[in-house]
Amino acid sequence: MRLTQDEQFLIKRIVAEIFGADAALWLFGSRVDDTKRGGDVNLYVVPVAQDDLFMKRVRCLGRLEAVLLYPVDLVVHEAGRDLPIYRIAA
């Protein structure tokens, strides 16, 4: 995994603060594989609380990109929807 321990801690803390401590979080994409290259961080969040997901996503993206200093792709699972990206990211 191409994230430092500090970056992992910050990501987990920010996601928990915004989506709740019970939200599931996955890293996917090139950052999972140490042999690949790529600058962005791909995250998949499955929040238990489904309220105000759009604003939570916007707030989370802003905070993550501010501390990590590189682009973040944030996929937030919406209950009742079955999108292909959910299967790819999980």
PDB file of N, CA and C in Angstrom:
ATOM      1  N   MET A   1       0.850  -1.165   0.000  1.00  0.00           N
ATOM      2  CA  MET A   1       0.000   0.000   0.000  1.00  0.00           C
ATOM      3  C   MET A   1       0.903   1.238   0.000  1.00  0.00           C
ATOM      4  N   ARG A   2       0.638   2.129  -0.917  1.00  0.00           N
ATOM      5  CA  ARG A   2       1.481   3.311  -1.041  1.00  0.00           C
ATOM      6  C   ARG A   2       0.893   4.520  -0.306  1.00  0.00           C
ATOM      7  N   LEU A   3       0.678   4.344   0.974  1.00  0.00           N
ATOM      8  CA  LEU A   3       0.287   5.433   1.867  1.00  0.00           C
ATOM      9  C   LEU A   3       1.111   5.290   3.141  1.00  0.00           C
ATOM     10  N   THR A   4       1.589   6.408   3.655  1.00  0.00           N
ATOM     11  CA  THR A   4       2.328   6.350   4.907  1.00  0.00           C
ATOM     12  C   THR A   4       1.367   6.065   6.058  1.00  0.00           C
ATOM     13  N   GLN A   5       1.917   5.698   7.192  1.00  0.00           N
ATOM     14  CA  GLN A   5       1.071   5.469   8.366  1.00  0.00           C
ATOM     15  C   GLN A   5       0.357   6.751   8.778  1.00  0.00           C
ATOM     16  N   ASP A   6       1.039   7.885   8.655  1.00  0.00           N
ATOM     17  CA  ASP A   6       0.398   9.167   8.972  1.00  0.00           C
ATOM     18  C   ASP A   6      -0.773   9.444   8.032  1.00  0.00           C
ATOM     19  N   GLU A   7      -0.583   9.179   6.739  1.00  0.00           N
ATOM     20  CA  GLU A   7      -1.667   9.388   5.773  1.00  0.00           C
ATOM     21  C   GLU A   7      -2.840   8.459   6.068  1.00  0.00           C
ATOM     22  N   GLN A   8      -2.550   7.204   6.386  1.00  0.00           N
ATOM     23  CA  GLN A   8      -3.614   6.256   6.734  1.00  0.00           C
ATOM     24  C   GLN A   8      -4.394   6.739   7.952  1.00  0.00           C
ATOM     25  N   PHE A   9      -3.689   7.203   8.971  1.00  0.00           N
ATOM     26  CA  PHE A   9      -4.331   7.704  10.179  1.00  0.00           C
ATOM     27  C   PHE A   9      -5.225   8.898   9.865  1.00  0.00           C
ATOM     28  N   LEU A  10      -4.721   9.856   9.091  1.00  0.00           N
ATOM     29  CA  LEU A  10      -5.501  11.046   8.747  1.00  0.00           C
ATOM     30  C   LEU A  10      -6.753  10.688   7.960  1.00  0.00           C
ATOM     31  N   ILE A  11      -6.611   9.792   6.998  1.00  0.00           N
ATOM     32  CA  ILE A  11      -7.763   9.373   6.194  1.00  0.00           C
ATOM     33  C   ILE A  11      -8.824   8.743   7.087  1.00  0.00           C
ATOM     34  N   LYS A  12      -8.413   7.810   7.929  1.00  0.00           N
ATOM     35  CA  LYS A  12      -9.370   7.136   8.821  1.00  0.00           C
ATOM     36  C   LYS A  12     -10.046   8.128   9.759  1.00  0.00           C
ATOM     37  N   ARG A  13      -9.270   9.058  10.313  1.00  0.00           N
ATOM     38  CA  ARG A  13      -9.824  10.031  11.252  1.00  0.00           C
ATOM     39  C   ARG A  13     -10.836  10.952  10.582  1.00  0.00           C
ATOM     40  N   ILE A  14     -10.495  11.475   9.417  1.00  0.00           N
ATOM     41  CA  ILE A  14     -11.385  12.401   8.712  1.00  0.00           C
ATOM     42  C   ILE A  14     -12.666  11.694   8.288  1.00  0.00           C
ATOM     43  N   VAL A  15     -12.545  10.500   7.729  1.00  0.00           N
ATOM     44  CA  VAL A  15     -13.736   9.748   7.310  1.00  0.00           C
ATOM     45  C   VAL A  15     -14.628   9.449   8.517  1.00  0.00           C
ATOM     46  N   ALA A  16     -14.045   9.050   9.628  1.00  0.00           N
ATOM     47  CA  ALA A  16     -14.830   8.755  10.835  1.00  0.00           C
ATOM     48  C   ALA A  16     -15.514  10.006  11.377  1.00  0.00           C
ATOM     49  N   GLU A  17     -14.830  11.141  11.355  1.00  0.00           N
ATOM     50  CA  GLU A  17     -15.414  12.384  11.851  1.00  0.00           C
ATOM     51  C   GLU A  17     -16.610  12.815  11.015  1.00  0.00           C
ATOM     52  N   ILE A  18     -16.535  12.606   9.717  1.00  0.00           N
ATOM     53  CA  ILE A  18     -17.591  13.098   8.827  1.00  0.00           C
ATOM     54  C   ILE A  18     -18.700  12.072   8.625  1.00  0.00           C
ATOM     55  N   PHE A  19     -18.347  10.812   8.406  1.00  0.00           N
ATOM     56  CA  PHE A  19     -19.347   9.782   8.106  1.00  0.00           C
ATOM     57  C   PHE A  19     -19.719   8.927   9.319  1.00  0.00           C
ATOM     58  N   GLY A  20     -18.994   9.072  10.400  1.00  0.00           N
ATOM     59  CA  GLY A  20     -19.260   8.289  11.601  1.00  0.00           C
ATOM     60  C   GLY A  20     -18.231   7.188  11.777  1.00  0.00           C
ATOM     61  N   ALA A  21     -17.971   6.858  13.035  1.00  0.00           N
ATOM     62  CA  ALA A  21     -16.965   5.839  13.350  1.00  0.00           C
ATOM     63  C   ALA A  21     -17.351   4.458  12.834  1.00  0.00           C
ATOM     64  N   ASP A  22     -18.640   4.257  12.566  1.00  0.00           N
ATOM     65  CA  ASP A  22     -19.104   2.952  12.094  1.00  0.00           C
ATOM     66  C   ASP A  22     -19.093   2.820  10.570  1.00  0.00           C
ATOM     67  N   ALA A  23     -18.635   3.841   9.868  1.00  0.00           N
ATOM     68  CA  ALA A  23     -18.555   3.778   8.403  1.00  0.00           C
ATOM     69  C   ALA A  23     -17.422   2.844   7.989  1.00  0.00           C
ATOM     70  N   ALA A  24     -17.677   2.007   6.988  1.00  0.00           N
ATOM     71  CA  ALA A  24     -16.638   1.129   6.445  1.00  0.00           C
ATOM     72  C   ALA A  24     -15.828   1.913   5.417  1.00  0.00           C
ATOM     73  N   LEU A  25     -14.535   1.631   5.341  1.00  0.00           N
ATOM     74  CA  LEU A  25     -13.638   2.373   4.463  1.00  0.00           C
ATOM     75  C   LEU A  25     -12.706   1.405   3.749  1.00  0.00           C
ATOM     76  N   TRP A  26     -12.601   1.555   2.426  1.00  0.00           N
ATOM     77  CA  TRP A  26     -11.685   0.749   1.620  1.00  0.00           C
ATOM     78  C   TRP A  26     -10.838   1.658   0.749  1.00  0.00           C
ATOM     79  N   LEU A  27      -9.599   1.268   0.560  1.00  0.00           N
ATOM     80  CA  LEU A  27      -8.714   1.875  -0.417  1.00  0.00           C
ATOM     81  C   LEU A  27      -8.738   0.984  -1.645  1.00  0.00           C
ATOM     82  N   PHE A  28      -8.863   1.576  -2.835  1.00  0.00           N
ATOM     83  CA  PHE A  28      -8.807   0.777  -4.055  1.00  0.00           C
ATOM     84  C   PHE A  28      -8.017   1.532  -5.106  1.00  0.00           C
ATOM     85  N   GLY A  29      -7.732   0.883  -6.208  1.00  0.00           N
ATOM     86  CA  GLY A  29      -6.975   1.526  -7.277  1.00  0.00           C
ATOM     87  C   GLY A  29      -5.481   1.287  -7.144  1.00  0.00           C
ATOM     88  N   SER A  30      -4.698   2.126  -7.815  1.00  0.00           N
ATOM     89  CA  SER A  30      -3.254   1.906  -7.917  1.00  0.00           C
ATOM     90  C   SER A  30      -2.521   2.020  -6.587  1.00  0.00           C
ATOM     91  N   ARG A  31      -3.053   2.747  -5.630  1.00  0.00           N
ATOM     92  CA  ARG A  31      -2.365   2.900  -4.334  1.00  0.00           C
ATOM     93  C   ARG A  31      -2.336   1.601  -3.525  1.00  0.00           C
ATOM     94  N   VAL A  32      -3.161   0.640  -3.881  1.00  0.00           N
ATOM     95  CA  VAL A  32      -3.171  -0.645  -3.174  1.00  0.00           C
ATOM     96  C   VAL A  32      -1.950  -1.480  -3.561  1.00  0.00           C
ATOM     97  N   ASP A  33      -1.474  -1.298  -4.779  1.00  0.00           N
ATOM     98  CA  ASP A  33      -0.389  -2.104  -5.339  1.00  0.00           C
ATOM     99  C   ASP A  33       0.923  -1.318  -5.300  1.00  0.00           C
ATOM    100  N   ASP A  34       1.886  -1.807  -4.544  1.00  0.00           N
ATOM    101  CA  ASP A  34       3.176  -1.127  -4.418  1.00  0.00           C
ATOM    102  C   ASP A  34       3.948  -1.061  -5.732  1.00  0.00           C
ATOM    103  N   THR A  35       3.633  -1.918  -6.697  1.00  0.00           N
ATOM    104  CA  THR A  35       4.370  -1.930  -7.960  1.00  0.00           C
ATOM    105  C   THR A  35       3.804  -0.955  -8.982  1.00  0.00           C
ATOM    106  N   LYS A  36       2.629  -0.417  -8.720  1.00  0.00           N
ATOM    107  CA  LYS A  36       2.006   0.503  -9.675  1.00  0.00           C
ATOM    108  C   LYS A  36       2.324   1.942  -9.316  1.00  0.00           C
ATOM    109  N   ARG A  37       2.050   2.807 -10.270  1.00  0.00           N
ATOM    110  CA  ARG A  37       2.264   4.232 -10.060  1.00  0.00           C
ATOM    111  C   ARG A  37       0.935   4.950 -10.235  1.00  0.00           C
ATOM    112  N   GLY A  38       0.841   6.080  -9.655  1.00  0.00           N
ATOM    113  CA  GLY A  38      -0.374   6.875  -9.758  1.00  0.00           C
ATOM    114  C   GLY A  38      -0.459   7.802  -8.570  1.00  0.00           C
ATOM    115  N   GLY A  39      -0.993   8.974  -8.799  1.00  0.00           N
ATOM    116  CA  GLY A  39      -0.961   9.977  -7.758  1.00  0.00           C
ATOM    117  C   GLY A  39      -2.209  10.110  -6.932  1.00  0.00           C
ATOM    118  N   ASP A  40      -3.347   9.703  -7.470  1.00  0.00           N
ATOM    119  CA  ASP A  40      -4.582   9.932  -6.717  1.00  0.00           C
ATOM    120  C   ASP A  40      -4.844   8.803  -5.726  1.00  0.00           C
ATOM    121  N   VAL A  41      -5.695   9.111  -4.750  1.00  0.00           N
ATOM    122  CA  VAL A  41      -6.101   8.140  -3.734  1.00  0.00           C
ATOM    123  C   VAL A  41      -7.562   7.817  -3.984  1.00  0.00           C
ATOM    124  N   ASN A  42      -7.879   6.548  -4.164  1.00  0.00           N
ATOM    125  CA  ASN A  42      -9.254   6.113  -4.406  1.00  0.00           C
ATOM    126  C   ASN A  42      -9.804   5.486  -3.136  1.00  0.00           C
ATOM    127  N   LEU A  43     -10.876   6.081  -2.613  1.00  0.00           N
ATOM    128  CA  LEU A  43     -11.481   5.607  -1.375  1.00  0.00           C
ATOM    129  C   LEU A  43     -12.942   5.274  -1.596  1.00  0.00           C
ATOM    130  N   TYR A  44     -13.383   4.220  -0.948  1.00  0.00           N
ATOM    131  CA  TYR A  44     -14.779   3.783  -0.992  1.00  0.00           C
ATOM    132  C   TYR A  44     -15.298   3.763   0.436  1.00  0.00           C
ATOM    133  N   VAL A  45     -16.353   4.524   0.698  1.00  0.00           N
ATOM    134  CA  VAL A  45     -16.925   4.641   2.038  1.00  0.00           C
ATOM    135  C   VAL A  45     -18.353   4.108   2.021  1.00  0.00           C
ATOM    136  N   VAL A  46     -18.665   3.271   3.002  1.00  0.00           N
ATOM    137  CA  VAL A  46     -20.030   2.778   3.189  1.00  0.00           C
ATOM    138  C   VAL A  46     -20.503   3.279   4.554  1.00  0.00           C
ATOM    139  N   PRO A  47     -21.212   4.425   4.557  1.00  0.00           N
ATOM    140  CA  PRO A  47     -21.680   4.965   5.829  1.00  0.00           C
ATOM    141  C   PRO A  47     -22.949   4.271   6.301  1.00  0.00           C
ATOM    142  N   VAL A  48     -23.089   4.127   7.611  1.00  0.00           N
ATOM    143  CA  VAL A  48     -24.318   3.572   8.173  1.00  0.00           C
ATOM    144  C   VAL A  48     -25.421   4.619   8.067  1.00  0.00           C
ATOM    145  N   ALA A  49     -25.127   5.830   8.513  1.00  0.00           N
ATOM    146  CA  ALA A  49     -26.092   6.933   8.415  1.00  0.00           C
ATOM    147  C   ALA A  49     -26.099   7.451   6.981  1.00  0.00           C
ATOM    148  N   GLN A  50     -27.255   7.469   6.360  1.00  0.00           N
ATOM    149  CA  GLN A  50     -27.367   7.840   4.952  1.00  0.00           C
ATOM    150  C   GLN A  50     -27.851   9.279   4.742  1.00  0.00           C
ATOM    151  N   ASP A  51     -27.859  10.079   5.791  1.00  0.00           N
ATOM    152  CA  ASP A  51     -28.351  11.451   5.673  1.00  0.00           C
ATOM    153  C   ASP A  51     -27.267  12.388   5.130  1.00  0.00           C
ATOM    154  N   ASP A  52     -27.676  13.324   4.296  1.00  0.00           N
ATOM    155  CA  ASP A  52     -26.822  14.419   3.822  1.00  0.00           C
ATOM    156  C   ASP A  52     -25.517  13.936   3.181  1.00  0.00           C
ATOM    157  N   LEU A  53     -25.586  12.857   2.399  1.00  0.00           N
ATOM    158  CA  LEU A  53     -24.372  12.263   1.840  1.00  0.00           C
ATOM    159  C   LEU A  53     -23.629  13.197   0.892  1.00  0.00           C
ATOM    160  N   PHE A  54     -24.353  13.996   0.122  1.00  0.00           N
ATOM    161  CA  PHE A  54     -23.683  14.889  -0.830  1.00  0.00           C
ATOM    162  C   PHE A  54     -22.777  15.872  -0.096  1.00  0.00           C
ATOM    163  N   MET A  55     -23.310  16.548   0.914  1.00  0.00           N
ATOM    164  CA  MET A  55     -22.521  17.538   1.647  1.00  0.00           C
ATOM    165  C   MET A  55     -21.398  16.880   2.448  1.00  0.00           C
ATOM    166  N   LYS A  56     -21.650  15.711   2.982  1.00  0.00           N
ATOM    167  CA  LYS A  56     -20.594  14.994   3.698  1.00  0.00           C
ATOM    168  C   LYS A  56     -19.461  14.634   2.746  1.00  0.00           C
ATOM    169  N   ARG A  57     -19.811  14.197   1.543  1.00  0.00           N
ATOM    170  CA  ARG A  57     -18.796  13.845   0.549  1.00  0.00           C
ATOM    171  C   ARG A  57     -17.954  15.060   0.184  1.00  0.00           C
ATOM    172  N   VAL A  58     -18.621  16.191  -0.059  1.00  0.00           N
ATOM    173  CA  VAL A  58     -17.908  17.421  -0.420  1.00  0.00           C
ATOM    174  C   VAL A  58     -16.961  17.838   0.707  1.00  0.00           C
ATOM    175  N   ARG A  59     -17.465  17.828   1.933  1.00  0.00           N
ATOM    176  CA  ARG A  59     -16.653  18.216   3.087  1.00  0.00           C
ATOM    177  C   ARG A  59     -15.457  17.271   3.267  1.00  0.00           C
ATOM    178  N   CYS A  60     -15.700  15.991   3.121  1.00  0.00           N
ATOM    179  CA  CYS A  60     -14.641  14.996   3.279  1.00  0.00           C
ATOM    180  C   CYS A  60     -13.567  15.160   2.205  1.00  0.00           C
ATOM    181  N   LEU A  61     -13.988  15.327   0.970  1.00  0.00           N
ATOM    182  CA  LEU A  61     -13.032  15.522  -0.124  1.00  0.00           C
ATOM    183  C   LEU A  61     -12.150  16.731   0.123  1.00  0.00           C
ATOM    184  N   GLY A  62     -12.757  17.832   0.529  1.00  0.00           N
ATOM    185  CA  GLY A  62     -11.995  19.052   0.785  1.00  0.00           C
ATOM    186  C   GLY A  62     -10.945  18.855   1.860  1.00  0.00           C
ATOM    187  N   ARG A  63     -11.333  18.229   2.941  1.00  0.00           N
ATOM    188  CA  ARG A  63     -10.387  18.014   4.044  1.00  0.00           C
ATOM    189  C   ARG A  63      -9.288  17.033   3.658  1.00  0.00           C
ATOM    190  N   LEU A  64      -9.662  15.944   2.976  1.00  0.00           N
ATOM    191  CA  LEU A  64      -8.654  14.956   2.583  1.00  0.00           C
ATOM    192  C   LEU A  64      -7.628  15.551   1.624  1.00  0.00           C
ATOM    193  N   GLU A  65      -8.095  16.264   0.612  1.00  0.00           N
ATOM    194  CA  GLU A  65      -7.164  16.838  -0.356  1.00  0.00           C
ATOM    195  C   GLU A  65      -6.294  17.918   0.275  1.00  0.00           C
ATOM    196  N   ALA A  66      -6.817  18.619   1.273  1.00  0.00           N
ATOM    197  CA  ALA A  66      -6.035  19.653   1.954  1.00  0.00           C
ATOM    198  C   ALA A  66      -4.883  19.056   2.764  1.00  0.00           C
ATOM    199  N   VAL A  67      -5.094  17.903   3.381  1.00  0.00           N
ATOM    200  CA  VAL A  67      -4.035  17.315   4.208  1.00  0.00           C
ATOM    201  C   VAL A  67      -3.120  16.377   3.419  1.00  0.00           C
ATOM    202  N   LEU A  68      -3.659  15.697   2.416  1.00  0.00           N
ATOM    203  CA  LEU A  68      -2.841  14.752   1.651  1.00  0.00           C
ATOM    204  C   LEU A  68      -2.036  15.432   0.548  1.00  0.00           C
ATOM    205  N   LEU A  69      -2.544  16.544   0.046  1.00  0.00           N
ATOM    206  CA  LEU A  69      -1.888  17.326  -1.007  1.00  0.00           C
ATOM    207  C   LEU A  69      -1.820  16.610  -2.357  1.00  0.00           C
ATOM    208  N   TYR A  70      -2.728  15.689  -2.595  1.00  0.00           N
ATOM    209  CA  TYR A  70      -2.917  15.122  -3.924  1.00  0.00           C
ATOM    210  C   TYR A  70      -4.380  14.757  -4.103  1.00  0.00           C
ATOM    211  N   PRO A  71      -4.811  14.531  -5.355  1.00  0.00           N
ATOM    212  CA  PRO A  71      -6.234  14.298  -5.620  1.00  0.00           C
ATOM    213  C   PRO A  71      -6.773  13.048  -4.930  1.00  0.00           C
ATOM    214  N   VAL A  72      -8.041  13.137  -4.550  1.00  0.00           N
ATOM    215  CA  VAL A  72      -8.741  12.025  -3.919  1.00  0.00           C
ATOM    216  C   VAL A  72     -10.009  11.752  -4.708  1.00  0.00           C
ATOM    217  N   ASP A  73     -10.241  10.489  -5.044  1.00  0.00           N
ATOM    218  CA  ASP A  73     -11.519  10.051  -5.616  1.00  0.00           C
ATOM    219  C   ASP A  73     -12.270   9.377  -4.483  1.00  0.00           C
ATOM    220  N   LEU A  74     -13.446   9.908  -4.161  1.00  0.00           N
ATOM    221  CA  LEU A  74     -14.212   9.401  -3.028  1.00  0.00           C
ATOM    222  C   LEU A  74     -15.549   8.866  -3.517  1.00  0.00           C
ATOM    223  N   VAL A  75     -15.726   7.560  -3.412  1.00  0.00           N
ATOM    224  CA  VAL A  75     -16.983   6.911  -3.767  1.00  0.00           C
ATOM    225  C   VAL A  75     -17.733   6.648  -2.468  1.00  0.00           C
ATOM    226  N   VAL A  76     -18.943   7.210  -2.368  1.00  0.00           N
ATOM    227  CA  VAL A  76     -19.760   7.028  -1.172  1.00  0.00           C
ATOM    228  C   VAL A  76     -20.954   6.163  -1.540  1.00  0.00           C
ATOM    229  N   HIS A  77     -21.093   5.043  -0.870  1.00  0.00           N
ATOM    230  CA  HIS A  77     -22.176   4.098  -1.146  1.00  0.00           C
ATOM    231  C   HIS A  77     -23.512   4.662  -0.675  1.00  0.00           C
ATOM    232  N   GLU A  78     -24.455   4.695  -1.583  1.00  0.00           N
ATOM    233  CA  GLU A  78     -25.815   5.110  -1.248  1.00  0.00           C
ATOM    234  C   GLU A  78     -26.683   3.862  -1.148  1.00  0.00           C
ATOM    235  N   ALA A  79     -27.298   3.668   0.004  1.00  0.00           N
ATOM    236  CA  ALA A  79     -28.162   2.505   0.219  1.00  0.00           C
ATOM    237  C   ALA A  79     -29.266   2.475  -0.833  1.00  0.00           C
ATOM    238  N   GLY A  80     -29.569   1.288  -1.316  1.00  0.00           N
ATOM    239  CA  GLY A  80     -30.630   1.131  -2.304  1.00  0.00           C
ATOM    240  C   GLY A  80     -30.169   1.287  -3.740  1.00  0.00           C
ATOM    241  N   ARG A  81     -28.925   1.660  -3.942  1.00  0.00           N
ATOM    242  CA  ARG A  81     -28.380   1.775  -5.297  1.00  0.00           C
ATOM    243  C   ARG A  81     -27.363   0.664  -5.501  1.00  0.00           C
ATOM    244  N   ASP A  82     -27.311   0.145  -6.715  1.00  0.00           N
ATOM    245  CA  ASP A  82     -26.358  -0.909  -7.045  1.00  0.00           C
ATOM    246  C   ASP A  82     -25.558  -0.457  -8.255  1.00  0.00           C
ATOM    247  N   LEU A  83     -24.501   0.284  -8.000  1.00  0.00           N
ATOM    248  CA  LEU A  83     -23.666   0.792  -9.082  1.00  0.00           C
ATOM    249  C   LEU A  83     -22.455  -0.115  -9.282  1.00  0.00           C
ATOM    250  N   PRO A  84     -21.999  -0.283 -10.522  1.00  0.00           N
ATOM    251  CA  PRO A  84     -20.835  -1.139 -10.779  1.00  0.00           C
ATOM    252  C   PRO A  84     -19.595  -0.729  -9.977  1.00  0.00           C
ATOM    253  N   ILE A  85     -19.407   0.566  -9.738  1.00  0.00           N
ATOM    254  CA  ILE A  85     -18.230   1.015  -8.990  1.00  0.00           C
ATOM    255  C   ILE A  85     -18.213   0.451  -7.580  1.00  0.00           C
ATOM    256  N   TYR A  86     -19.362   0.187  -7.010  1.00  0.00           N
ATOM    257  CA  TYR A  86     -19.413  -0.388  -5.664  1.00  0.00           C
ATOM    258  C   TYR A  86     -18.753  -1.762  -5.642  1.00  0.00           C
ATOM    259  N   ARG A  87     -18.969  -2.558  -6.682  1.00  0.00           N
ATOM    260  CA  ARG A  87     -18.371  -3.898  -6.742  1.00  0.00           C
ATOM    261  C   ARG A  87     -16.873  -3.812  -7.041  1.00  0.00           C
ATOM    262  N   ILE A  88     -16.488  -2.842  -7.849  1.00  0.00           N
ATOM    263  CA  ILE A  88     -15.073  -2.675  -8.190  1.00  0.00           C
ATOM    264  C   ILE A  88     -14.281  -2.215  -6.972  1.00  0.00           C
ATOM    265  N   ALA A  89     -14.850  -1.278  -6.228  1.00  0.00           N
ATOM    266  CA  ALA A  89     -14.128  -0.657  -5.112  1.00  0.00           C
ATOM    267  C   ALA A  89     -14.043  -1.534  -3.869  1.00  0.00           C
ATOM    268  N   ALA A  90     -15.033  -2.380  -3.667  1.00  0.00           N
ATOM    269  CA  ALA A  90     -15.069  -3.165  -2.410  1.00  0.00           C
ATOM    270  C   ALA A  90     -14.129  -4.347  -2.440  1.00  0.00           C
TER     271      ALA A  90
END
